[in-house]
Amino acid sequence: MTADTMLSTAPAAPAGKPKTRRMSTPKILLIISGVLIGLSLVHWLTGADDVTSQGAIQAALQAAIPLGLAGLGGLWSERAGVVNIGLEGQLILGTWFGAWGSIEFGPWVGLLLGVLGGAVGGLVHAVATVTFGVDHIISGVAMTILAPGLARYLSFLAWSDTPGAGATQSPTAQRLPRVSVPFVDDLAGLERKQWFLLSDVAGVLRGLLVDVSIVTILAVLLIPLSWWLLWRTSFGLRVRSVGEDPHAAESLGINVYLYKYYGVIISGAMAGLGGVFLSTVSSAIYREGQTGGRGYIGLAAMIFGNWRPGGLALGASLFGYTDALQLRRGSESVHALLILVGALLLALAVWEFRRRNRVVAISSAVLGVLSYVLFFSVDKIPTALVQAAPYITVLVVLALAAQRLRPPAADGKPYRRGG
C-alpha cells in the first residue's frame, strides 16, 4: 500500500471533535450575490455612486491582487507546517527583481525574475526554519528586515547613475499587456442609467473584465489551481500531511523536509508574483516602501479564509475593497457603507446568539449599533478614519472570526526527523 493510499484511508477524527467549516462553491457564490445586492441597496439609498462604479471595482481588484497572492503564499507555507511571517520581505524581493528584469530584459523576463526573487526568499526561510530549526517568527522577521536593505543596496548598484532614479526608486519599467473581454465595455451606458442592481452589475463587470493585466488573470487562476493541487492531488495531500502531523507522515515514508521545502518555496514564489504586480502593474517603477505592509494583511486574509483558497479570496477582496475606497478618498462611500456594515454585524449577532456564542453576539451587536450611530451622527467620515478603514476592517473581521478558525495542527511547530 502506498503512502498516499494510507493517508487517504486514515481513520476519521473523533466524534467529539468540532467539524471544520468549508467555504464551498455554492456558499461563496451566495455570499458574492448577497454582497452585490447589499451594495446595490446602499447605492440606491444613499446615492453614493462610487460604491459599485467601474473605477472603484478596478481599484479594489488592483488592491486585492497583491494581498491575495501574499495570502496564497502564506497558505502554501502554513499548510506545510511553516509560519511565513517573511512574506513582506518576499514581496519586496518580488517588486525589485520584477522591476529590474522588466527594465533590463522586458516585462516577461521581469515577471519570471520577480517570481524567482520571491522563491529565493522562501528558500532562505526554509533553510533557516526546516534545516536549522530556527524559530519561524524570528526567521520571518529577519527576512522582512533583510529584504529592504538588500533592495536598497541593489538599487544603488543598478540605478545610482540613472537620471530620475537612485537607491530608493527605479527608472520606468515596461508593463505587461492588458486585455479586455469583448463587448463588456459597451455596458457603460447601462452603468450610467443608475438602475437598481442592473447598473451596479454593469459597473462591477466593467471593473473586473475591462483593461485587465495578464498578472491579474494569472493571480485569479492561481486560486482554483492551488485548491486543486492541495486537495485533489497526491502532492497536495503530502504537503498537507506534513503540516498536520509530520511524524505520522514520516512513518508512511514521506520525506517531510522535502515537502516543507516545497511549501515554503512555492509560498515565496507567490509573494514574489505579488511584488511583480506592485512594481509593474499597479505602477511602472520600483519604489522603496512600495509593499506597505501588504504581506501582513495578506496573512490576515489567509486567517480570515481559515487556511483555504476560497475564503482567502473573499478576505483579500474585502480588504482590497476597503483599501481602494480610502485610496480614492471615498469618505462619502465609506459613510454610505456603514448601512451595510451595521446590517451585517446585527445579522451576525442574531446568528451567533442562536448558536449561544454570546461573546461574539454581544460584540457584533455593539459594533453594529455603533455603525448606525456614526452614520446618523455625521454627514462625512473624517479623512483619518477613512485612511484607517482597511486596518480597522482587518482587526474587526479577525476578532469576530477567531472563534471558528482551525489552523493546520503542526503549524509553526519544530520538527526533527525521528523525533
Protein backbone atom coordinates (compact mmCIF):
# COMPACT_ATOMS: atom_id res chain seq x y z
CA MET A 1 0.00 0.00 0.00
CA THR A 2 1.39 3.42 -0.97
CA ALA A 3 1.81 6.37 1.38
CA ASP A 4 -0.93 8.30 -0.44
CA THR A 5 -3.40 5.43 -0.04
CA MET A 6 -2.58 5.08 3.64
CA LEU A 7 -3.06 8.80 4.18
CA SER A 8 -6.37 8.91 2.33
CA THR A 9 -7.71 5.91 4.29
CA ALA A 10 -6.61 7.20 7.71
CA PRO A 11 -9.25 6.98 10.43
CA ALA A 12 -11.67 9.85 10.76
CA ALA A 13 -11.42 12.39 13.56
CA PRO A 14 -13.08 11.52 16.87
CA ALA A 15 -16.80 12.21 17.08
CA GLY A 16 -16.31 14.85 19.78
CA LYS A 17 -14.01 16.98 17.64
CA PRO A 18 -15.70 20.04 16.14
CA LYS A 19 -16.21 19.92 12.40
CA THR A 20 -14.36 22.42 10.23
CA ARG A 21 -16.47 24.79 8.14
CA ARG A 22 -15.59 24.74 4.47
CA MET A 23 -16.24 27.54 2.02
CA SER A 24 -17.97 25.51 -0.71
CA THR A 25 -18.52 26.97 -4.18
CA PRO A 26 -22.32 27.45 -3.73
CA LYS A 27 -21.70 29.19 -0.42
CA ILE A 28 -19.11 31.51 -1.97
CA LEU A 29 -21.46 32.35 -4.87
CA LEU A 30 -24.28 33.02 -2.40
CA ILE A 31 -22.05 35.35 -0.39
CA ILE A 32 -20.97 37.22 -3.54
CA SER A 33 -24.59 37.61 -4.68
CA GLY A 34 -25.66 38.83 -1.25
CA VAL A 35 -22.85 41.38 -1.08
CA LEU A 36 -23.67 42.66 -4.58
CA ILE A 37 -27.35 43.12 -3.67
CA GLY A 38 -26.33 44.83 -0.44
CA LEU A 39 -24.04 47.25 -2.28
CA SER A 40 -26.84 47.98 -4.75
CA LEU A 41 -29.17 48.81 -1.88
CA VAL A 42 -26.56 51.11 -0.35
CA HIS A 43 -26.10 52.84 -3.73
CA TRP A 44 -29.88 53.24 -4.14
CA LEU A 45 -30.50 54.51 -0.59
CA THR A 46 -27.58 56.95 -0.34
CA GLY A 47 -26.71 57.88 -3.92
CA ALA A 48 -23.03 57.05 -3.34
CA ASP A 49 -22.10 56.35 -6.98
CA ASP A 50 -18.58 55.15 -6.25
CA VAL A 51 -19.73 52.10 -4.29
CA THR A 52 -20.12 49.95 -7.43
CA SER A 53 -18.56 52.12 -10.15
CA GLN A 54 -16.08 50.72 -12.65
CA GLY A 55 -13.29 52.82 -11.17
CA ALA A 56 -13.92 51.61 -7.61
CA ILE A 57 -14.05 47.96 -8.67
CA GLN A 58 -10.87 48.29 -10.73
CA ALA A 59 -9.13 49.93 -7.79
CA ALA A 60 -10.43 47.21 -5.46
CA LEU A 61 -9.16 44.46 -7.77
CA GLN A 62 -5.80 46.18 -8.05
CA ALA A 63 -5.56 46.42 -4.26
CA ALA A 64 -6.77 42.85 -3.68
CA ILE A 65 -4.36 41.03 -6.04
CA PRO A 66 -1.11 41.54 -4.05
CA LEU A 67 -2.99 40.81 -0.81
CA GLY A 68 -4.41 37.62 -2.28
CA LEU A 69 -1.03 36.47 -3.62
CA ALA A 70 0.65 37.13 -0.28
CA GLY A 71 -2.15 35.26 1.48
CA LEU A 72 -1.85 32.39 -1.01
CA GLY A 73 1.85 32.27 -0.24
CA GLY A 74 1.06 32.05 3.47
CA LEU A 75 -1.46 29.30 2.74
CA TRP A 76 1.09 27.08 0.98
CA SER A 77 3.70 27.60 3.68
CA GLU A 78 1.40 27.04 6.64
CA ARG A 79 -0.27 24.03 5.06
CA ALA A 80 3.26 22.57 5.08
CA GLY A 81 3.61 23.49 8.77
CA VAL A 82 5.88 26.54 8.43
CA VAL A 83 4.74 30.01 9.52
CA ASN A 84 5.96 32.54 6.95
CA ILE A 85 5.98 35.98 8.55
CA GLY A 86 8.64 36.86 5.97
CA LEU A 87 6.03 37.30 3.22
CA GLU A 88 6.53 41.06 3.41
CA GLY A 89 10.24 40.62 2.66
CA GLN A 90 9.50 38.22 -0.20
CA LEU A 91 7.06 40.75 -1.63
CA ILE A 92 9.85 43.34 -1.55
CA LEU A 93 12.20 40.99 -3.40
CA GLY A 94 9.49 40.41 -5.99
CA THR A 95 8.99 44.15 -6.53
CA TRP A 96 12.70 44.80 -7.01
CA PHE A 97 13.58 41.87 -9.25
CA GLY A 98 10.35 42.28 -11.23
CA ALA A 99 11.11 45.94 -11.95
CA TRP A 100 14.83 45.32 -12.66
CA GLY A 101 14.10 42.42 -15.00
CA SER A 102 11.43 44.41 -16.81
CA ILE A 103 13.76 47.40 -17.28
CA GLU A 104 16.73 45.33 -18.44
CA PHE A 105 15.16 42.46 -20.38
CA GLY A 106 11.47 43.15 -20.93
CA PRO A 107 8.25 42.59 -18.96
CA TRP A 108 8.02 38.80 -19.37
CA VAL A 109 11.54 38.26 -18.08
CA GLY A 110 10.74 40.70 -15.27
CA LEU A 111 7.74 38.57 -14.35
CA LEU A 112 9.91 35.45 -14.19
CA LEU A 113 12.71 37.14 -12.23
CA GLY A 114 10.26 38.62 -9.72
CA VAL A 115 8.76 35.18 -9.05
CA LEU A 116 12.27 33.70 -8.72
CA GLY A 117 13.30 36.50 -6.36
CA GLY A 118 10.41 35.71 -4.05
CA ALA A 119 11.14 31.97 -4.34
CA VAL A 120 14.75 32.55 -3.29
CA GLY A 121 13.47 34.46 -0.27
CA GLY A 122 11.26 31.46 0.51
CA LEU A 123 14.25 29.14 0.12
CA VAL A 124 16.27 31.17 2.64
CA HIS A 125 13.36 30.98 5.09
CA ALA A 126 13.08 27.23 4.52
CA VAL A 127 16.79 26.65 5.11
CA ALA A 128 16.61 28.58 8.38
CA THR A 129 13.42 27.01 9.72
CA VAL A 130 13.36 23.50 8.26
CA THR A 131 17.04 22.59 8.11
CA PHE A 132 18.47 24.57 11.03
CA GLY A 133 15.36 24.71 13.21
CA VAL A 134 15.32 28.49 13.68
CA ASP A 135 12.12 29.79 15.22
CA HIS A 136 9.69 30.58 12.38
CA ILE A 137 8.79 34.03 13.64
CA ILE A 138 12.42 35.05 14.17
CA SER A 139 13.39 33.86 10.69
CA GLY A 140 10.42 35.66 9.11
CA VAL A 141 11.18 38.92 10.88
CA ALA A 142 14.82 38.63 9.83
CA MET A 143 13.70 38.16 6.22
CA THR A 144 11.49 41.24 6.46
CA ILE A 145 14.40 43.30 7.82
CA LEU A 146 16.95 41.92 5.34
CA ALA A 147 14.90 42.34 2.15
CA PRO A 148 14.55 46.15 2.11
CA GLY A 149 18.25 46.58 2.92
CA LEU A 150 19.20 44.25 0.09
CA ALA A 151 16.81 46.02 -2.28
CA ARG A 152 18.32 49.41 -1.43
CA TYR A 153 21.85 48.11 -1.98
CA LEU A 154 20.92 46.56 -5.34
CA SER A 155 19.11 49.76 -6.35
CA PHE A 156 22.21 51.78 -5.60
CA LEU A 157 24.33 49.44 -7.73
CA ALA A 158 21.86 49.34 -10.61
CA TRP A 159 20.47 52.88 -10.82
CA SER A 160 22.69 55.31 -8.91
CA ASP A 161 23.90 56.85 -12.19
CA THR A 162 20.46 56.87 -13.85
CA PRO A 163 18.68 60.25 -14.04
CA GLY A 164 15.45 60.26 -12.05
CA ALA A 165 16.35 57.07 -10.20
CA GLY A 166 18.61 56.01 -7.34
CA ALA A 167 18.82 53.94 -4.19
CA THR A 168 15.10 54.25 -3.42
CA GLN A 169 13.49 54.30 -6.85
CA SER A 170 13.94 52.66 -10.26
CA PRO A 171 13.53 54.06 -13.76
CA THR A 172 10.25 53.37 -15.55
CA ALA A 173 9.67 49.66 -16.10
CA GLN A 174 7.99 48.03 -19.06
CA ARG A 175 4.48 46.77 -18.37
CA LEU A 176 2.84 43.51 -19.31
CA PRO A 177 -0.09 43.72 -21.76
CA ARG A 178 -3.67 44.25 -20.67
CA VAL A 179 -6.74 42.58 -22.13
CA SER A 180 -10.50 43.23 -22.15
CA VAL A 181 -13.42 40.88 -22.64
CA PRO A 182 -15.20 41.86 -25.88
CA PHE A 183 -18.43 43.89 -25.61
CA VAL A 184 -18.26 44.29 -21.81
CA ASP A 185 -17.15 47.92 -22.14
CA ASP A 186 -20.37 48.54 -24.07
CA LEU A 187 -22.18 48.26 -20.73
CA ALA A 188 -21.03 51.81 -19.89
CA GLY A 189 -24.41 53.19 -20.98
CA LEU A 190 -26.26 50.78 -18.70
CA GLU A 191 -24.00 51.75 -15.79
CA ARG A 192 -24.80 55.45 -16.29
CA LYS A 193 -28.56 54.85 -16.13
CA GLN A 194 -28.36 54.24 -12.37
CA TRP A 195 -30.91 51.41 -12.43
CA PHE A 196 -31.11 49.33 -9.27
CA LEU A 197 -28.87 46.25 -9.42
CA LEU A 198 -28.59 46.22 -13.25
CA SER A 199 -26.39 49.33 -13.38
CA ASP A 200 -24.42 48.06 -10.39
CA VAL A 201 -23.80 44.71 -12.09
CA ALA A 202 -22.69 46.56 -15.22
CA GLY A 203 -20.20 48.64 -13.20
CA VAL A 204 -18.82 45.56 -11.46
CA LEU A 205 -18.45 43.64 -14.74
CA ARG A 206 -16.67 46.57 -16.39
CA GLY A 207 -14.35 46.89 -13.40
CA LEU A 208 -13.48 43.19 -13.46
CA LEU A 209 -13.31 42.47 -17.20
CA VAL A 210 -12.09 45.66 -18.94
CA ASP A 211 -8.40 46.61 -19.19
CA VAL A 212 -7.19 43.70 -17.03
CA SER A 213 -3.50 42.89 -16.67
CA ILE A 214 -2.12 39.46 -17.54
CA VAL A 215 -0.76 39.24 -13.98
CA THR A 216 -4.28 39.79 -12.63
CA ILE A 217 -5.61 36.89 -14.71
CA LEU A 218 -2.73 34.68 -13.59
CA ALA A 219 -3.31 35.58 -9.93
CA VAL A 220 -7.04 34.79 -10.15
CA LEU A 221 -6.32 31.42 -11.81
CA LEU A 222 -3.87 30.53 -9.03
CA ILE A 223 -6.75 30.42 -6.51
CA PRO A 224 -8.56 27.38 -8.01
CA LEU A 225 -5.25 25.88 -9.11
CA SER A 226 -3.94 25.96 -5.54
CA TRP A 227 -7.17 24.38 -4.28
CA TRP A 228 -6.89 21.60 -6.87
CA LEU A 229 -3.23 20.93 -6.16
CA LEU A 230 -3.62 20.90 -2.37
CA TRP A 231 -6.92 19.00 -2.09
CA ARG A 232 -7.10 16.87 -5.25
CA THR A 233 -3.56 15.60 -5.90
CA SER A 234 -1.20 13.27 -4.07
CA PHE A 235 1.38 16.07 -3.99
CA GLY A 236 -1.04 18.33 -2.12
CA LEU A 237 -2.04 15.50 0.21
CA ARG A 238 1.60 15.05 1.19
CA VAL A 239 2.12 18.79 1.69
CA ARG A 240 -0.93 18.98 3.97
CA SER A 241 0.05 15.83 5.84
CA VAL A 242 3.41 17.29 6.90
CA GLY A 243 1.54 20.36 8.18
CA GLU A 244 -0.92 18.28 10.18
CA ASP A 245 1.25 15.51 11.62
CA PRO A 246 4.81 15.32 10.26
CA HIS A 247 5.75 12.31 12.39
CA ALA A 248 2.81 10.30 11.06
CA ALA A 249 3.75 11.38 7.53
CA GLU A 250 7.34 10.31 8.21
CA SER A 251 6.13 6.86 9.34
CA LEU A 252 4.46 6.47 5.93
CA GLY A 253 7.73 7.11 4.11
CA ILE A 254 7.16 10.77 3.18
CA ASN A 255 10.23 12.99 3.10
CA VAL A 256 8.90 15.66 5.48
CA TYR A 257 11.82 18.04 4.98
CA LEU A 258 11.41 17.95 1.20
CA TYR A 259 7.69 18.74 1.27
CA LYS A 260 8.19 21.53 3.78
CA TYR A 261 10.73 22.98 1.35
CA TYR A 262 8.21 22.69 -1.48
CA GLY A 263 5.56 24.55 0.52
CA VAL A 264 7.81 27.41 1.62
CA ILE A 265 9.46 27.91 -1.78
CA ILE A 266 6.06 27.99 -3.51
CA SER A 267 4.99 30.44 -0.80
CA GLY A 268 7.87 32.76 -1.65
CA ALA A 269 7.13 32.46 -5.38
CA MET A 270 3.50 33.51 -4.81
CA ALA A 271 4.63 36.52 -2.78
CA GLY A 272 7.18 37.35 -5.48
CA LEU A 273 4.40 37.43 -8.07
CA GLY A 274 2.52 39.82 -5.79
CA GLY A 275 5.61 42.02 -5.76
CA VAL A 276 5.78 41.96 -9.57
CA PHE A 277 2.19 43.16 -9.64
CA LEU A 278 3.05 46.13 -7.41
CA SER A 279 6.05 47.31 -9.42
CA THR A 280 4.90 46.58 -12.99
CA VAL A 281 1.08 46.68 -12.89
CA SER A 282 -0.04 48.97 -10.05
CA SER A 283 2.79 51.31 -11.03
CA ALA A 284 5.61 51.27 -13.55
CA ILE A 285 8.52 51.67 -11.12
CA TYR A 286 10.07 50.05 -8.09
CA ARG A 287 9.83 52.36 -5.09
CA GLU A 288 11.11 51.82 -1.56
CA GLY A 289 8.26 51.11 0.86
CA GLN A 290 6.04 50.05 -2.03
CA THR A 291 4.65 46.96 -0.29
CA GLY A 292 3.24 48.99 2.62
CA GLY A 293 2.64 46.04 4.94
CA ARG A 294 0.62 44.06 2.39
CA GLY A 295 2.40 40.86 3.39
CA TYR A 296 0.89 41.09 6.87
CA ILE A 297 -2.59 41.96 5.59
CA GLY A 298 -2.28 39.00 3.21
CA LEU A 299 -1.65 36.78 6.22
CA ALA A 300 -4.77 38.26 7.83
CA ALA A 301 -6.76 37.40 4.68
CA MET A 302 -5.44 33.84 4.87
CA ILE A 303 -6.51 33.51 8.52
CA PHE A 304 -9.92 35.03 7.71
CA GLY A 305 -10.26 32.36 5.00
CA ASN A 306 -9.49 29.61 7.53
CA TRP A 307 -6.43 28.46 5.58
CA ARG A 308 -8.47 27.75 2.44
CA PRO A 309 -8.17 29.40 -1.01
CA GLY A 310 -11.85 30.34 -1.41
CA GLY A 311 -12.13 32.06 1.94
CA LEU A 312 -8.76 33.69 1.37
CA ALA A 313 -10.03 35.18 -1.91
CA LEU A 314 -13.06 36.62 -0.11
CA GLY A 315 -10.85 38.08 2.62
CA ALA A 316 -8.45 39.66 0.10
CA SER A 317 -11.43 41.12 -1.80
CA LEU A 318 -12.87 42.61 1.39
CA PHE A 319 -9.59 44.19 2.48
CA GLY A 320 -8.80 45.30 -1.07
CA TYR A 321 -12.20 46.99 -1.44
CA THR A 322 -11.84 48.99 1.76
CA ASP A 323 -8.27 49.91 0.79
CA ALA A 324 -9.46 51.06 -2.64
CA LEU A 325 -12.12 53.31 -1.12
CA GLN A 326 -9.61 55.07 1.14
CA LEU A 327 -7.15 55.48 -1.74
CA ARG A 328 -9.90 57.14 -3.78
CA ARG A 329 -10.62 59.45 -0.82
CA GLY A 330 -14.06 57.86 -0.69
CA SER A 331 -15.37 59.40 2.54
CA GLU A 332 -18.87 59.50 1.01
CA SER A 333 -18.68 55.82 0.04
CA VAL A 334 -17.31 54.75 3.42
CA HIS A 335 -20.09 56.72 5.13
CA ALA A 336 -22.70 55.01 2.94
CA LEU A 337 -21.26 51.56 3.57
CA LEU A 338 -21.91 51.96 7.30
CA ILE A 339 -25.51 50.96 6.50
CA LEU A 340 -24.39 47.61 5.07
CA VAL A 341 -21.74 47.07 7.74
CA GLY A 342 -24.26 47.70 10.52
CA ALA A 343 -26.80 45.32 8.97
CA LEU A 344 -24.22 42.56 8.56
CA LEU A 345 -22.98 42.95 12.12
CA LEU A 346 -26.51 42.83 13.56
CA ALA A 347 -27.33 39.77 11.45
CA LEU A 348 -24.14 38.13 12.71
CA ALA A 349 -25.16 38.98 16.28
CA VAL A 350 -28.52 37.23 15.85
CA TRP A 351 -26.84 34.20 14.26
CA GLU A 352 -24.23 33.88 16.99
CA PHE A 353 -26.83 34.38 19.72
CA ARG A 354 -28.85 31.49 18.33
CA ARG A 355 -25.67 29.41 18.40
CA ARG A 356 -25.19 30.51 22.05
CA ASN A 357 -21.89 32.20 21.27
CA ARG A 358 -22.74 35.17 23.43
CA VAL A 359 -19.36 36.95 23.45
CA VAL A 360 -19.25 37.26 19.66
CA ALA A 361 -23.00 38.03 19.55
CA ILE A 362 -22.73 40.92 22.02
CA SER A 363 -19.57 42.26 20.33
CA SER A 364 -21.23 42.17 16.90
CA ALA A 365 -24.38 43.85 18.20
CA VAL A 366 -22.41 46.67 19.85
CA LEU A 367 -20.36 47.27 16.69
CA GLY A 368 -23.50 47.18 14.56
CA VAL A 369 -25.25 49.77 16.71
CA LEU A 370 -22.13 51.95 16.70
CA SER A 371 -22.08 51.80 12.89
CA TYR A 372 -25.60 53.23 12.71
CA VAL A 373 -24.85 55.81 15.39
CA LEU A 374 -21.87 57.00 13.37
CA PHE A 375 -23.90 57.00 10.13
CA PHE A 376 -26.70 59.18 11.53
CA SER A 377 -24.50 61.47 13.62
CA VAL A 378 -22.11 62.66 10.87
CA ASP A 379 -22.54 63.51 7.20
CA LYS A 380 -18.92 62.80 6.27
CA ILE A 381 -16.39 60.39 7.70
CA PRO A 382 -13.15 62.11 8.85
CA THR A 383 -10.23 61.57 6.48
CA ALA A 384 -8.12 59.91 9.18
CA LEU A 385 -10.85 57.31 9.79
CA VAL A 386 -11.23 56.68 6.06
CA GLN A 387 -7.49 56.05 5.76
CA ALA A 388 -7.63 53.66 8.72
CA ALA A 389 -10.62 51.75 7.29
CA PRO A 390 -8.60 48.81 5.84
CA TYR A 391 -6.78 48.21 9.13
CA ILE A 392 -9.95 48.56 11.21
CA THR A 393 -11.62 46.04 8.88
CA VAL A 394 -8.76 43.58 9.39
CA LEU A 395 -8.97 43.85 13.18
CA VAL A 396 -12.76 43.59 13.38
CA VAL A 397 -13.03 40.67 10.97
CA LEU A 398 -10.28 38.68 12.66
CA ALA A 399 -11.69 39.36 16.12
CA LEU A 400 -15.15 38.12 15.09
CA ALA A 401 -13.85 35.13 13.11
CA ALA A 402 -11.38 33.93 15.75
CA GLN A 403 -13.90 31.52 17.31
CA ARG A 404 -14.14 29.29 14.25
CA LEU A 405 -10.57 29.15 12.95
CA ARG A 406 -8.74 25.87 12.55
CA PRO A 407 -5.07 26.16 11.50
CA PRO A 408 -3.02 23.11 10.48
CA ALA A 409 -2.28 21.10 13.63
CA ALA A 410 1.52 21.25 13.32
CA ASP A 411 1.71 24.82 12.00
CA GLY A 412 4.79 26.55 13.43
CA LYS A 413 5.90 23.56 15.48
CA PRO A 414 9.55 22.40 15.25
CA TYR A 415 10.17 19.06 13.57
CA ARG A 416 13.19 16.77 13.66
CA ARG A 417 13.39 13.51 11.78
CA GLY A 418 12.89 10.53 14.07
CA GLY A 419 11.84 12.76 16.97
